[in-house]
Amino acid sequence: MLTILDKYILKKYLTTFAVMLGLFAPIGIVIDVSEKINKMIENKIPFSEILVYYFNFTIYFTNLLFPIFLFLSVIWFTSKLANDTEIIAILSSGISFTRFLRPFLIGASIVSVFILLMGFFVVPKASEGFNNFRYTYLRGDGKEAMRGHDTDVFRQISNDEYIYVNSFDVVSKTAYNFTYEKFTKDKLAYKISATRIQWNPKTKNYTMYDYVKRTVGGLDDKLEKVDKKDAKFNFDLEDLAPVVYIAETLNLGKLNQFIDKEKKRGSSNINVYLVVLYKKYSIPVSAFILTIIAVAVSSMKRRGGMGLSLAIGIAVAFSFVFFDKIFGTLAEKSTFPPLLAVWFPNIVFGILAIFLLRNAKR
């Protein structure tokens, strides 16, 4: 059962967090508009698409900076409680600091569940709209950059099928220096090669140019050559070069399926996809860690008032985001384990939270 004190603190926790989001989201939109207004006018982007973009931007922006907003909101109202000597009165009445912390943790649980569900189902759709708009309208090489600049792509498309292309053209849907290998019981059955292969959207098949098929025989090989040949394969040509932000646009179920598929194919970007997956779980957990740190830092009445507590809060919040970005990038660009990279900020700040909480209790 929640007491009057629990309801009072919980109400302040949730309302302050909501107000913080309501204040900073418009500021983010104004800054973004000021940076991109010239491009929008130059490209004559329809107003309806701009409205949809900023709806997606709001979701994407608040999810990205969620730790900062939560931390500052807890720092703000807890410092106010301390400056008004409300915390001294609460603790003097015989309530322990651990009991005082309970409504904060309840609030963190509510926010964590909300962020978790948003990350699973809402944020991916917003991320897709946000990134599609940026790459389509706001970048000069958007269509090409959307799919990266990977060359020499090798994929395993099934247990016994492998494909390779040297490069991929997004606009013409054409891959160059194509090779397809089919194995039977770990032995090469046949190999197909072509100087280029083009996807035909209408007929849902491929056209290969300078087609060569070599079938491996017991005594000799069979060779087939034609200038042009149509065929169907068990892969989509665009699978060779998915959009660079594909993992961000998939809900939880599709993301897990996509990662399993990419692992079997030996994708070089698998760490990027795993970082996205692990962050869906690590960010909600950070709500508890940051809440404990914020309460421990701001529950004491300081000579500098709320200003000092906010300064400490901003420094800690940006340090958390800095660690999160650094280790996330490290996992994406190196062999550093993605799971450790994503959870490292929570581990470090979790230890800090325990230390600060023990001091606050004293």
Foldseek 3Di string as FASTA:
>chain_A
DADPLLVVVLVLLVVLLVVLLVVVLVVVVVVVCVVCVVLCVVQVPDPVLVVLLSVLVSLQVCLLLVLLSNLLSLLVVLLVCQQVVVLVVVVVVVDFVVNSCVSLVVSLVVVLVVLLVCQQPPNLQSVVSNLVCCLVRPDPNSQDPQLPWDAFFKWDQDPFKIKTFGGADRVQQKTAFIKIFGDDPNHTQKIKTARMKHADVVVRKIKGAQIWMWGDDPVHIDIDTDGIDIDHDSDRSCVSGHGPCNLSNHGLVVLVVVLVSCVNTVDLQSLLSVLSNLLSNQVSVVSNLSSLVSNLQNNHNDPVGSVVSSVVSNVVSVVLSVQQVVLSVVSRPHVPHSNCSNCVSVVVSNVVSVVSNVVSSD
